[in-house]
């Protein structure tokens, strides 16, 4: 475990960040695997469905991560405050609470999947694949909940190396299962997108299951099974009125930020649908298939910021927490932009890794060539976002995300359909009211909308901290 409340913030941030960045890269290979193996089926509708599922997957995780998100912050703070019994208490409540909440999601998803699939503005054929893929992922929500609680606990305690080893093993399993189930190899039936969903579900549940055993053995410096030296009773595992409201508050606003992000991409995918299925496939291939290479660095430093800021806030060292946030944000911006140079110099070579369909390729290339200039902003805003989560200030991230993520819609509408149609076009994109205006712009409009708001978010966080000098 790494204690960030003492010593060099730069060195300790790097020590926490590098396994997390690698893990984020590996996590995104799940999407890469899906695109790669499903692409081997030579069914464009199936590829477009994977793109359309991106926003729905985010919405799923919004619900599943409410409890894990809040518990990660509190565990980091109690770790910094050297309170292992409080850490154990939060972990027990988070584990049970997250499993219960995700089970509720399973039942709700059964009745709401048709509605969610129809929000994507896709053709009936694409919609069928969307439902086949999401049905399995939604009903596997408890496995994802377990994973998020366990991995979040490791990270909050400053241990990011063990989860990395879990992830490597899990990814190997995912690759094998995709090969077998999607393509129907080794005597298995050819299951297509359903096989990809099963592979994702089974392999993503592994880090949680293995990590839970590790934690229950007391390997993270606390024993969840003990309360004041005695065996924990059933009531000690249940959410209580002392801690759980705080867990829910932090996690709710953190997750709602993710919901807004997902809802905005759902609307952008609807807008892309007016250009055609290839545009939707290109948006997904560019976003999920390529941009993640740089995004993994921002995700890694975001996670590091939660740990660094959370531990130092818990230790009563707010100035050190603020310094840690700035250090991580600058490192994140530098690494993201460095990787993004590949987008500018090798766009076709990178896109060829995730799709061989020419129309989808052209749209994906257009997307990453624009984002290649602005990944520094993504790096900054993601690391600052993590800092605010670590401080428990998720209301700030929520309101910022609400304004700027949703502002992507009128910007994209104005650029694509003409600024005279902003009001009507936004109502159509957001709520499905009326009809889409006639096209006057190109697919680039969507990429520019995303890039512009990323810059605005980075500037806001920087100005906010620069003026207040505290969280």
Protein backbone atom coordinates (compact mmCIF):
# COMPACT_ATOMS: atom_id res chain seq x y z
CA UNK A 1 0.00 0.00 0.00
CA UNK A 2 1.12 3.57 -0.67
CA UNK A 3 0.61 6.38 1.85
CA UNK A 4 0.49 9.67 -0.07
CA UNK A 5 0.24 11.87 3.02
CA UNK A 6 4.04 11.93 3.40
CA UNK A 7 6.96 12.15 0.98
CA UNK A 8 7.17 13.21 -2.67
CA UNK A 9 3.76 13.71 -4.27
CA UNK A 10 5.27 13.31 -7.72
CA UNK A 11 6.96 9.99 -6.99
CA UNK A 12 4.02 8.53 -5.09
CA UNK A 13 1.55 9.68 -7.72
CA UNK A 14 3.63 7.99 -10.40
CA UNK A 15 3.82 4.82 -8.29
CA UNK A 16 0.02 4.74 -8.02
CA UNK A 17 -0.65 5.93 -11.56
CA UNK A 18 1.44 3.64 -13.73
CA UNK A 19 -0.36 0.38 -12.82
CA UNK A 20 -3.68 2.22 -13.05
CA UNK A 21 -2.90 3.58 -16.50
CA UNK A 22 -1.89 0.14 -17.73
CA UNK A 23 -5.05 -1.30 -16.20
CA UNK A 24 -7.14 1.36 -17.93
CA UNK A 25 -5.51 0.42 -21.24
CA UNK A 26 -6.30 -3.23 -20.59
CA UNK A 27 -9.90 -2.44 -19.58
CA UNK A 28 -10.46 -0.74 -22.90
CA UNK A 29 -9.23 -3.84 -24.69
CA UNK A 30 -12.56 -5.38 -23.75
CA UNK A 31 -14.21 -2.94 -26.16
CA UNK A 32 -11.38 -3.51 -28.63
CA UNK A 33 -11.95 -7.26 -28.41
CA UNK A 34 -15.66 -6.81 -29.00
CA UNK A 35 -15.09 -4.64 -32.07
CA UNK A 36 -12.35 -6.92 -33.39
CA UNK A 37 -14.12 -10.26 -33.07
CA UNK A 38 -17.58 -8.97 -33.97
CA UNK A 39 -15.97 -7.21 -36.95
CA UNK A 40 -14.82 -10.63 -38.14
CA UNK A 41 -18.49 -11.48 -38.71
CA UNK A 42 -18.61 -8.90 -41.54
CA UNK A 43 -21.98 -7.65 -40.30
CA UNK A 44 -21.98 -3.80 -40.26
CA UNK A 45 -25.20 -3.73 -38.21
CA UNK A 46 -23.50 -5.65 -35.42
CA UNK A 47 -20.57 -3.22 -35.38
CA UNK A 48 -22.95 -0.26 -35.32
CA UNK A 49 -24.77 -1.91 -32.41
CA UNK A 50 -21.57 -2.02 -30.34
CA UNK A 51 -21.16 1.71 -30.96
CA UNK A 52 -24.76 2.39 -29.99
CA UNK A 53 -24.32 0.40 -26.78
CA UNK A 54 -21.59 2.77 -25.53
CA UNK A 55 -24.02 5.25 -23.98
CA UNK A 56 -26.21 2.46 -22.61
CA UNK A 57 -23.21 0.84 -20.92
CA UNK A 58 -22.39 4.18 -19.29
CA UNK A 59 -25.98 4.48 -18.06
CA UNK A 60 -25.75 0.96 -16.61
CA UNK A 61 -22.57 1.81 -14.74
CA UNK A 62 -24.16 4.99 -13.41
CA UNK A 63 -26.49 2.92 -11.28
CA UNK A 64 -24.00 0.19 -10.42
CA UNK A 65 -21.24 2.54 -9.32
CA UNK A 66 -23.22 4.82 -6.96
CA UNK A 67 -22.24 2.85 -3.85
CA UNK A 68 -18.69 1.89 -4.99
CA UNK A 69 -17.95 5.49 -5.98
CA UNK A 70 -18.93 6.91 -2.61
CA UNK A 71 -17.20 4.15 -0.66
CA UNK A 72 -13.92 4.64 -2.55
CA UNK A 73 -13.77 8.28 -1.46
CA UNK A 74 -14.49 7.51 2.20
CA UNK A 75 -12.08 4.58 2.30
CA UNK A 76 -9.34 6.82 0.89
CA UNK A 77 -10.10 9.49 3.49
CA UNK A 78 -10.18 7.04 6.40
CA UNK A 79 -6.96 5.50 5.08
CA UNK A 80 -5.30 8.91 5.22
CA UNK A 81 -6.70 9.40 8.72
CA UNK A 82 -5.23 6.03 9.84
CA UNK A 83 -8.63 4.56 10.82
CA UNK A 84 -8.65 0.90 9.69
CA UNK A 85 -11.86 -0.01 11.57
CA UNK A 86 -13.73 2.77 9.77
CA UNK A 87 -12.30 1.46 6.49
CA UNK A 88 -13.61 -2.02 7.30
CA UNK A 89 -17.05 -0.66 8.16
CA UNK A 90 -17.36 1.28 4.90
CA UNK A 91 -16.21 -1.75 2.91
CA UNK A 92 -18.82 -4.04 4.49
CA UNK A 93 -21.65 -1.60 3.83
CA UNK A 94 -20.49 -0.92 0.29
CA UNK A 95 -20.27 -4.59 -0.59
CA UNK A 96 -23.79 -5.42 0.54
CA UNK A 97 -25.32 -2.15 -0.64
CA UNK A 98 -23.82 -2.41 -4.13
CA UNK A 99 -24.95 -6.00 -4.61
CA UNK A 100 -28.50 -5.11 -3.55
CA UNK A 101 -28.67 -2.06 -5.83
CA UNK A 102 -27.33 -3.99 -8.83
CA UNK A 103 -29.87 -6.76 -8.27
CA UNK A 104 -32.64 -4.17 -8.48
CA UNK A 105 -31.11 -3.02 -11.77
CA UNK A 106 -31.45 -6.54 -13.16
CA UNK A 107 -35.22 -6.49 -12.70
CA UNK A 108 -35.68 -2.92 -13.93
CA UNK A 109 -33.60 -3.69 -17.02
CA UNK A 110 -35.88 -6.56 -17.97
CA UNK A 111 -38.80 -4.15 -18.40
CA UNK A 112 -36.91 -1.13 -19.73
CA UNK A 113 -34.52 -2.60 -22.30
CA UNK A 114 -36.85 -2.09 -25.28
CA UNK A 115 -37.24 1.59 -24.38
CA UNK A 116 -33.49 2.11 -23.90
CA UNK A 117 -32.65 0.41 -27.18
CA UNK A 118 -35.12 2.60 -29.07
CA UNK A 119 -33.49 5.79 -27.76
CA UNK A 120 -30.53 5.20 -30.06
CA UNK A 121 -32.26 6.15 -33.33
CA UNK A 122 -30.97 2.98 -35.00
CA UNK A 123 -32.38 0.74 -37.69
CA UNK A 124 -34.44 -2.29 -36.57
CA UNK A 125 -31.57 -4.63 -37.47
CA UNK A 126 -29.07 -2.65 -35.38
CA UNK A 127 -31.63 -2.41 -32.57
CA UNK A 128 -31.93 -6.18 -32.44
CA UNK A 129 -28.20 -6.56 -31.91
CA UNK A 130 -28.26 -3.80 -29.27
CA UNK A 131 -30.87 -5.69 -27.24
CA UNK A 132 -29.02 -9.00 -27.61
CA UNK A 133 -25.81 -7.43 -26.29
CA UNK A 134 -27.24 -5.28 -23.50
CA UNK A 135 -29.65 -7.89 -22.14
CA UNK A 136 -26.73 -10.02 -20.98
CA UNK A 137 -24.67 -7.13 -19.59
CA UNK A 138 -27.60 -5.67 -17.68
CA UNK A 139 -28.47 -8.96 -16.03
CA UNK A 140 -24.84 -9.38 -15.04
CA UNK A 141 -24.87 -6.12 -13.06
CA UNK A 142 -24.05 -7.74 -9.67
CA UNK A 143 -20.75 -9.04 -11.09
CA UNK A 144 -19.81 -5.51 -12.19
CA UNK A 145 -20.87 -4.11 -8.79
CA UNK A 146 -18.61 -6.55 -6.96
CA UNK A 147 -15.71 -5.64 -9.22
CA UNK A 148 -16.18 -1.88 -8.65
CA UNK A 149 -16.33 -2.19 -4.86
CA UNK A 150 -13.26 -4.42 -4.68
CA UNK A 151 -11.08 -2.52 -7.15
CA UNK A 152 -12.12 0.81 -5.62
CA UNK A 153 -11.04 -0.42 -2.19
CA UNK A 154 -7.64 -1.50 -3.47
CA UNK A 155 -7.09 1.87 -5.11
CA UNK A 156 -8.26 3.89 -2.12
CA UNK A 157 -5.75 2.01 0.03
CA UNK A 158 -2.97 2.94 -2.39
CA UNK A 159 -2.59 -0.56 -3.87
CA UNK A 160 -2.92 -0.47 -7.65
CA UNK A 161 -0.42 -3.18 -8.55
CA UNK A 162 -2.47 -6.23 -7.46
CA UNK A 163 -5.57 -5.12 -9.43
CA UNK A 164 -3.32 -4.83 -12.48
CA UNK A 165 -2.39 -8.51 -12.21
CA UNK A 166 -6.06 -9.39 -11.81
CA UNK A 167 -6.81 -7.42 -14.97
CA UNK A 168 -4.13 -9.14 -17.04
CA UNK A 169 -5.55 -12.54 -16.15
CA UNK A 170 -9.09 -11.33 -16.81
CA UNK A 171 -8.20 -9.94 -20.23
CA UNK A 172 -6.61 -13.21 -21.29
CA UNK A 173 -9.84 -14.95 -20.35
CA UNK A 174 -11.88 -12.34 -22.24
CA UNK A 175 -9.84 -12.77 -25.41
CA UNK A 176 -10.18 -16.54 -25.34
CA UNK A 177 -13.92 -16.37 -24.66
CA UNK A 178 -14.48 -13.85 -27.46
CA UNK A 179 -12.63 -16.09 -29.88
CA UNK A 180 -14.64 -19.12 -28.82
CA UNK A 181 -18.10 -17.63 -28.33
CA UNK A 182 -18.30 -14.86 -30.94
CA UNK A 183 -16.79 -16.87 -33.78
CA UNK A 184 -17.96 -20.31 -32.66
CA UNK A 185 -14.55 -21.95 -32.25
CA UNK A 186 -13.51 -25.10 -30.37
CA UNK A 187 -16.91 -26.66 -30.86
CA UNK A 188 -18.89 -23.77 -29.30
CA UNK A 189 -21.94 -22.29 -31.07
CA UNK A 190 -21.39 -19.09 -33.07
CA UNK A 191 -23.08 -16.53 -30.80
CA UNK A 192 -22.00 -13.19 -32.33
CA UNK A 193 -22.71 -10.13 -30.18
CA UNK A 194 -24.28 -12.28 -27.46
CA UNK A 195 -21.02 -14.19 -27.20
CA UNK A 196 -19.13 -10.90 -26.84
CA UNK A 197 -21.43 -9.86 -23.98
CA UNK A 198 -21.00 -13.20 -22.20
CA UNK A 199 -17.23 -12.96 -22.57
CA UNK A 200 -17.25 -9.45 -21.10
CA UNK A 201 -19.48 -10.42 -18.20
CA UNK A 202 -17.55 -13.52 -17.15
CA UNK A 203 -14.12 -11.97 -17.50
CA UNK A 204 -15.03 -8.70 -15.74
CA UNK A 205 -16.41 -10.62 -12.78
CA UNK A 206 -13.06 -12.33 -12.20
CA UNK A 207 -11.14 -9.34 -10.73
CA UNK A 208 -13.96 -8.78 -8.25
CA UNK A 209 -14.17 -12.40 -7.14
CA UNK A 210 -10.42 -12.87 -6.77
CA UNK A 211 -9.97 -9.48 -5.11
CA UNK A 212 -12.75 -10.14 -2.61
CA UNK A 213 -10.95 -13.26 -1.38
CA UNK A 214 -7.77 -11.22 -1.07
CA UNK A 215 -9.51 -8.53 1.01
CA UNK A 216 -11.36 -10.98 3.25
CA UNK A 217 -8.00 -12.50 4.17
CA UNK A 218 -6.96 -9.11 5.60
CA UNK A 219 -4.31 -8.47 2.97
CA UNK A 220 -5.13 -4.75 2.66
CA UNK A 221 -4.38 -3.90 6.28
CA UNK A 222 -7.91 -4.28 7.64
CA UNK A 223 -10.15 -7.24 8.42
CA UNK A 224 -13.77 -6.81 7.24
CA UNK A 225 -14.87 -9.75 9.40
CA UNK A 226 -13.87 -8.07 12.69
CA UNK A 227 -15.50 -5.27 14.68
CA UNK A 228 -13.48 -4.15 17.74
CA UNK A 229 -11.70 -7.50 17.75
CA UNK A 230 -14.91 -9.56 17.65
CA UNK A 231 -16.55 -11.29 14.72
CA UNK A 232 -18.79 -8.93 12.74
CA UNK A 233 -22.51 -9.61 13.15
CA UNK A 234 -25.04 -9.55 10.33
CA UNK A 235 -26.12 -6.00 11.19
CA UNK A 236 -22.49 -4.85 10.84
CA UNK A 237 -22.62 -5.79 7.15
CA UNK A 238 -25.78 -3.82 6.47
CA UNK A 239 -25.81 -0.13 5.45
CA UNK A 240 -26.29 2.13 8.49
CA UNK A 241 -27.54 5.68 9.05
CA UNK A 242 -24.14 6.96 10.18
CA UNK A 243 -22.10 6.33 7.04
CA UNK A 244 -24.31 5.17 4.22
CA UNK A 245 -26.06 8.51 3.51
CA UNK A 246 -22.62 10.06 2.92
CA UNK A 247 -21.63 7.16 0.67
CA UNK A 248 -24.84 7.63 -1.31
CA UNK A 249 -24.46 11.41 -1.55
CA UNK A 250 -20.89 11.28 -2.87
CA UNK A 251 -21.61 8.31 -5.11
CA UNK A 252 -24.92 9.65 -6.40
CA UNK A 253 -23.55 12.94 -7.71
CA UNK A 254 -20.44 11.19 -9.04
CA UNK A 255 -22.61 8.68 -10.86
CA UNK A 256 -25.03 11.32 -12.12
CA UNK A 257 -22.04 13.02 -13.73
CA UNK A 258 -21.51 9.74 -15.57
CA UNK A 259 -25.21 9.60 -16.41
CA UNK A 260 -25.08 13.03 -17.99
CA UNK A 261 -21.99 12.02 -19.93
CA UNK A 262 -23.74 8.88 -21.16
CA UNK A 263 -26.99 10.68 -21.95
CA UNK A 264 -25.10 13.28 -23.98
CA UNK A 265 -23.41 10.56 -26.03
CA UNK A 266 -26.75 8.86 -26.51
CA UNK A 267 -28.04 12.09 -28.03
CA UNK A 268 -24.88 12.51 -30.11
CA UNK A 269 -25.35 9.00 -31.41
CA UNK A 270 -28.93 9.92 -32.33
CA UNK A 271 -27.58 12.92 -34.23
CA UNK A 272 -24.96 10.76 -35.98
CA UNK A 273 -27.78 8.45 -37.03
CA UNK A 274 -29.09 11.18 -39.35
CA UNK A 275 -25.82 10.94 -41.28
CA UNK A 276 -26.13 7.16 -41.41
CA UNK A 277 -25.16 3.91 -39.64
CA UNK A 278 -21.57 4.34 -40.81
CA UNK A 279 -21.38 7.62 -38.88
CA UNK A 280 -22.63 5.88 -35.74
CA UNK A 281 -20.12 3.11 -36.26
CA UNK A 282 -17.36 5.66 -36.86
CA UNK A 283 -18.23 7.59 -33.71
CA UNK A 284 -18.05 4.40 -31.66
CA UNK A 285 -14.89 3.13 -33.36
CA UNK A 286 -13.17 6.47 -32.87
CA UNK A 287 -14.35 6.94 -29.32
CA UNK A 288 -14.27 3.41 -27.90
CA UNK A 289 -11.81 1.88 -30.32
CA UNK A 290 -9.09 4.54 -30.65
CA UNK A 291 -9.48 7.51 -28.30
CA UNK A 292 -9.21 5.18 -25.30
CA UNK A 293 -5.47 4.84 -25.97
CA UNK A 294 -5.00 8.39 -24.69
CA UNK A 295 -8.07 8.34 -22.47
CA UNK A 296 -6.50 5.52 -20.47
CA UNK A 297 -3.89 7.96 -19.17
CA UNK A 298 -6.54 10.45 -18.08
CA UNK A 299 -8.48 7.64 -16.43
CA UNK A 300 -5.37 6.46 -14.61
CA UNK A 301 -4.52 9.91 -13.29
CA UNK A 302 -8.16 10.51 -12.39
CA UNK A 303 -8.02 7.41 -10.18
CA UNK A 304 -4.69 8.53 -8.73
CA UNK A 305 -6.18 11.94 -7.92
CA UNK A 306 -9.01 10.30 -5.98
CA UNK A 307 -6.49 8.41 -3.86
CA UNK A 308 -4.03 11.27 -3.36
CA UNK A 309 -6.62 13.93 -2.59
CA UNK A 310 -8.80 11.60 -0.52
CA UNK A 311 -5.96 10.38 1.68
CA UNK A 312 -4.63 13.90 2.29
CA UNK A 313 -8.08 15.34 3.00
CA UNK A 314 -8.59 12.52 5.51
CA UNK A 315 -5.24 13.38 7.10
CA UNK A 316 -6.25 17.05 7.40
CA UNK A 317 -3.71 18.19 4.78
CA UNK A 318 -5.84 20.17 2.34
CA UNK A 319 -2.96 22.24 0.91
CA UNK A 320 -1.06 19.06 0.13
CA UNK A 321 -4.23 17.64 -1.41
CA UNK A 322 -4.54 20.67 -3.69
CA UNK A 323 -0.89 20.36 -4.71
CA UNK A 324 -1.43 16.68 -5.47
CA UNK A 325 -4.42 17.53 -7.67
CA UNK A 326 -2.35 19.99 -9.72
CA UNK A 327 0.59 17.59 -10.06
CA UNK A 328 -1.66 14.81 -11.35
CA UNK A 329 -3.56 17.11 -13.71
CA UNK A 330 -0.38 18.34 -15.38
CA UNK A 331 1.02 14.82 -15.75
CA UNK A 332 -2.31 13.66 -17.15
CA UNK A 333 -2.46 16.46 -19.73
CA UNK A 334 1.11 15.84 -20.87
CA UNK A 335 0.69 12.08 -21.26
CA UNK A 336 -2.67 12.34 -23.04
CA UNK A 337 -1.40 14.84 -25.59
CA UNK A 338 1.79 12.88 -26.14
CA UNK A 339 -0.22 9.77 -27.02
CA UNK A 340 -2.63 11.85 -29.13
CA UNK A 341 0.19 12.65 -31.54
CA UNK A 342 -0.40 9.13 -32.84
CA UNK A 343 -3.93 10.18 -33.78
CA UNK A 344 -2.53 12.94 -35.95
CA UNK A 345 0.26 11.00 -37.64
CA UNK A 346 -1.24 7.49 -37.92
CA UNK A 347 -5.05 7.84 -38.02
CA UNK A 348 -5.70 5.22 -40.69
CA UNK A 349 -3.29 2.72 -39.22
CA UNK A 350 -4.94 3.00 -35.79
CA UNK A 351 -8.48 2.81 -37.17
CA UNK A 352 -7.59 -0.30 -39.16
CA UNK A 353 -7.08 -2.06 -35.82
CA UNK A 354 -10.79 -1.82 -34.97
CA UNK A 355 -12.67 -1.77 -38.29
CA UNK A 356 -12.15 -2.69 -41.93
CA UNK A 357 -15.38 -1.12 -43.17
CA UNK A 358 -14.41 1.86 -45.44
CA UNK A 359 -17.30 4.24 -44.55
CA UNK A 360 -16.91 3.58 -40.82
CA UNK A 361 -13.14 4.06 -41.18
CA UNK A 362 -13.52 7.49 -42.77
CA UNK A 363 -15.78 8.74 -40.00
CA UNK A 364 -13.55 7.31 -37.26
CA UNK A 365 -10.48 8.94 -38.83
CA UNK A 366 -12.27 12.29 -39.00
CA UNK A 367 -13.11 12.01 -35.31
CA UNK A 368 -9.64 11.13 -33.99
CA UNK A 369 -7.87 13.67 -36.22
CA UNK A 370 -9.84 16.44 -34.52
CA UNK A 371 -9.58 15.02 -31.00
CA UNK A 372 -5.86 14.54 -31.52
CA UNK A 373 -5.38 18.28 -30.97
CA UNK A 374 -7.35 18.44 -27.73
CA UNK A 375 -6.56 15.38 -25.62
CA UNK A 376 -4.56 17.61 -23.27
CA UNK A 377 -7.87 19.13 -22.20
CA UNK A 378 -9.37 15.69 -21.61
CA UNK A 379 -6.35 14.82 -19.46
CA UNK A 380 -6.69 17.98 -17.38
CA UNK A 381 -10.41 17.77 -16.80
CA UNK A 382 -10.39 14.07 -15.93
CA UNK A 383 -7.61 14.44 -13.33
CA UNK A 384 -9.29 17.47 -11.78
CA UNK A 385 -12.56 15.55 -11.77
CA UNK A 386 -10.90 12.79 -9.75
CA UNK A 387 -9.51 15.36 -7.32
CA UNK A 388 -12.97 16.70 -6.58
CA UNK A 389 -14.30 13.17 -6.12
CA UNK A 390 -11.48 12.41 -3.68
CA UNK A 391 -12.41 15.53 -1.71
CA UNK A 392 -16.06 14.42 -1.66
CA UNK A 393 -17.10 17.50 -3.71
CA UNK A 394 -19.08 15.62 -6.31
CA UNK A 395 -21.82 18.25 -6.40
CA UNK A 396 -19.34 20.53 -8.19
CA UNK A 397 -18.51 17.88 -10.79
CA UNK A 398 -22.21 17.16 -11.25
CA UNK A 399 -23.26 20.72 -12.01
CA UNK A 400 -20.27 21.29 -14.29
CA UNK A 401 -21.00 18.06 -16.15
CA UNK A 402 -24.68 18.93 -16.42
CA UNK A 403 -24.00 22.25 -18.11
CA UNK A 404 -21.07 21.38 -20.36
CA UNK A 405 -21.86 17.79 -21.34
CA UNK A 406 -25.38 18.74 -22.38
CA UNK A 407 -24.07 21.83 -24.16
CA UNK A 408 -22.50 19.41 -26.63
CA UNK A 409 -25.94 18.81 -28.09
CA UNK A 410 -26.85 22.36 -29.21
CA UNK A 411 -23.28 22.90 -30.42
CA UNK A 412 -23.38 19.72 -32.52
CA UNK A 413 -26.91 20.55 -33.74
CA UNK A 414 -25.89 24.05 -34.74
CA UNK A 415 -22.82 22.87 -36.64
CA UNK A 416 -24.58 19.96 -38.33
CA UNK A 417 -28.07 21.32 -39.02
CA UNK A 418 -27.43 25.07 -39.01
CA UNK A 419 -27.64 27.48 -36.10
CA UNK A 420 -31.11 28.61 -37.16
CA UNK A 421 -32.29 25.11 -36.22
CA UNK A 422 -30.64 24.90 -32.79
CA UNK A 423 -33.86 25.01 -30.77
CA UNK A 424 -35.89 22.54 -32.82
CA UNK A 425 -32.88 20.32 -33.50
CA UNK A 426 -31.95 20.16 -29.82
CA UNK A 427 -35.51 19.22 -28.83
CA UNK A 428 -35.42 16.44 -31.41
CA UNK A 429 -31.98 15.17 -30.33
CA UNK A 430 -32.73 15.35 -26.60
CA UNK A 431 -36.35 14.26 -26.44
CA UNK A 432 -37.26 12.91 -29.86
CA UNK A 433 -39.75 15.73 -30.41
CA UNK A 434 -40.52 16.54 -34.03
CA UNK A 435 -38.22 15.64 -36.88
CA UNK A 436 -34.50 16.15 -37.45
CA UNK A 437 -33.68 19.29 -39.48
CA UNK A 438 -32.04 18.81 -42.89
CA UNK A 439 -28.27 18.32 -42.84
CA UNK A 440 -26.08 21.29 -43.70
CA UNK A 441 -22.82 20.21 -42.06
CA UNK A 442 -20.61 17.14 -41.80
CA UNK A 443 -19.71 14.46 -39.25
CA UNK A 444 -16.86 16.70 -38.05
CA UNK A 445 -19.47 18.78 -36.23
CA UNK A 446 -19.87 16.10 -33.58
CA UNK A 447 -16.13 15.86 -32.95
CA UNK A 448 -15.81 19.65 -32.68
CA UNK A 449 -18.64 19.77 -30.13
CA UNK A 450 -16.90 17.19 -27.96
CA UNK A 451 -13.50 18.88 -28.25
CA UNK A 452 -14.80 22.37 -27.46
CA UNK A 453 -16.57 21.29 -24.29
CA UNK A 454 -13.53 19.31 -23.11
CA UNK A 455 -11.49 22.54 -23.28
CA UNK A 456 -14.21 24.45 -21.40
CA UNK A 457 -14.31 21.85 -18.61
CA UNK A 458 -10.53 21.91 -18.21
CA UNK A 459 -10.54 25.73 -18.03
CA UNK A 460 -13.35 25.78 -15.46
CA UNK A 461 -11.62 23.37 -13.09
CA UNK A 462 -8.34 25.27 -13.39
CA UNK A 463 -9.96 28.66 -12.74
CA UNK A 464 -12.08 27.30 -9.87
CA UNK A 465 -9.08 25.91 -7.99
CA UNK A 466 -6.87 28.85 -8.93
CA UNK A 467 -9.29 31.37 -7.46
CA UNK A 468 -10.51 29.44 -4.40
CA UNK A 469 -7.19 27.73 -3.56
CA UNK A 470 -9.23 24.90 -1.99
CA UNK A 471 -11.84 22.32 -2.91
